[in-house]
Protein backbone atom coordinates (compact mmCIF):
# COMPACT_ATOMS: atom_id res chain seq x y z
CA UNK A 1 157.07 4.55 186.98
CA UNK A 2 156.73 7.67 184.96
CA UNK A 3 159.80 7.94 182.17
CA UNK A 4 159.18 4.24 181.74
CA UNK A 5 155.41 5.93 180.36
CA UNK A 6 157.09 8.43 178.31
CA UNK A 7 160.11 6.02 177.01
CA UNK A 8 156.76 3.81 175.74
CA UNK A 9 155.12 7.32 174.47
CA UNK A 10 157.81 7.76 173.19
CA UNK A 11 158.94 4.31 171.43
CA UNK A 12 155.26 4.41 170.12
CA UNK A 13 155.34 8.42 168.70
CA UNK A 14 158.80 7.25 166.59
CA UNK A 15 157.17 4.39 165.36
CA UNK A 16 154.14 5.83 164.04
CA UNK A 17 156.00 9.42 162.19
CA UNK A 18 158.80 6.10 161.11
CA UNK A 19 156.09 4.55 159.01
CA UNK A 20 154.06 7.88 157.71
CA UNK A 21 157.36 8.81 156.58
CA UNK A 22 158.40 5.15 154.94
CA UNK A 23 154.07 5.74 153.74
CA UNK A 24 155.29 9.12 151.98
CA UNK A 25 158.48 8.09 150.54
CA UNK A 26 157.10 5.36 148.61
CA UNK A 27 154.29 7.37 147.89
CA UNK A 28 157.22 9.73 146.19
CA UNK A 29 158.62 7.07 143.80
CA UNK A 30 158.16 6.28 140.43
CA UNK A 31 155.26 2.68 142.01
CA UNK A 32 153.94 4.81 143.81
CA UNK A 33 153.00 7.55 141.56
CA UNK A 34 152.36 4.99 138.73
CA UNK A 35 149.67 3.30 141.31
CA UNK A 36 148.01 6.51 142.50
CA UNK A 37 147.92 8.09 138.43
CA UNK A 38 146.50 4.27 137.42
CA UNK A 39 143.76 4.40 141.35
CA UNK A 40 142.86 8.31 140.01
CA UNK A 41 142.31 6.85 136.33
CA UNK A 42 140.31 4.20 137.29
CA UNK A 43 138.15 6.81 139.62
CA UNK A 44 137.91 8.57 136.69
CA UNK A 45 136.84 6.03 133.89
CA UNK A 46 134.36 4.70 136.36
CA UNK A 47 132.71 7.87 136.88
CA UNK A 48 132.49 8.78 133.20
CA UNK A 49 130.42 5.11 133.07
CA UNK A 50 128.51 6.13 135.47
CA UNK A 51 127.67 9.52 133.73
CA UNK A 52 127.18 7.90 130.60
CA UNK A 53 124.58 4.90 132.10
CA UNK A 54 122.74 7.57 133.79
CA UNK A 55 122.79 9.84 130.10
CA UNK A 56 121.29 6.78 128.57
CA UNK A 57 118.60 6.09 130.88
CA UNK A 58 116.77 9.50 130.61
CA UNK A 59 116.81 9.68 127.32
CA UNK A 60 115.42 6.19 127.31
CA UNK A 61 112.70 8.32 129.47
CA UNK A 62 112.41 11.07 127.24
CA UNK A 63 112.21 9.17 123.90
CA UNK A 64 109.70 7.15 125.95
CA UNK A 65 107.59 9.88 126.58
CA UNK A 66 107.18 11.48 124.10
CA UNK A 67 106.32 7.99 122.12
CA UNK A 68 103.39 8.04 124.65
CA UNK A 69 102.44 11.41 123.70
CA UNK A 70 102.33 11.28 119.95
CA UNK A 71 100.97 7.96 120.17
CA UNK A 72 97.91 9.76 122.63
CA UNK A 73 97.56 12.54 119.96
CA UNK A 74 97.60 9.92 117.20
CA UNK A 75 94.11 9.49 117.60
CA UNK A 76 92.62 13.10 117.48
CA UNK A 77 95.35 14.63 114.99
CA UNK A 78 93.58 14.85 111.30
CA UNK A 79 95.25 15.55 108.26
CA UNK A 80 94.29 16.69 105.67
CA UNK A 81 95.54 16.24 102.26
CA UNK A 82 97.50 18.27 99.62
CA UNK A 83 96.93 17.95 95.91
CA UNK A 84 99.26 19.79 93.58
CA UNK A 85 95.75 21.77 92.68
CA UNK A 86 96.16 25.49 92.89
CA UNK A 87 94.53 27.62 95.04
CA UNK A 88 91.96 30.29 94.58
CA UNK A 89 94.93 33.09 92.46
CA UNK A 90 94.67 30.75 89.34
CA UNK A 91 98.33 29.92 90.63
CA UNK A 92 99.35 32.97 91.02
CA UNK A 93 102.33 33.56 93.91
CA UNK A 94 101.89 36.61 96.17
CA UNK A 95 104.18 39.16 95.48
CA UNK A 96 106.86 40.39 98.50
CA UNK A 97 105.31 43.78 100.86
CA UNK A 98 107.00 46.99 98.55
CA UNK A 99 106.95 46.20 95.44
């Protein structure tokens, strides 16, 4: 009975090791490497797309916040008209310090 148990355990371990070796050897072939590279590129493209969507959502949110501030302050801000009329200095410009 003991021998049968160890024989079965050895067969199971042999099958597991054989499958693992075959999988590793397949990954080392050009086709296996291309599949791995393709998967990595797809994952990267998904991450970049997700990042872009998050950035766009943040920009829209911030733009709405700024628009709300502008709309709120537009009612309280008073604008003054700027004429081309000279000021009290009779049209002379201020002199620089040290001249």
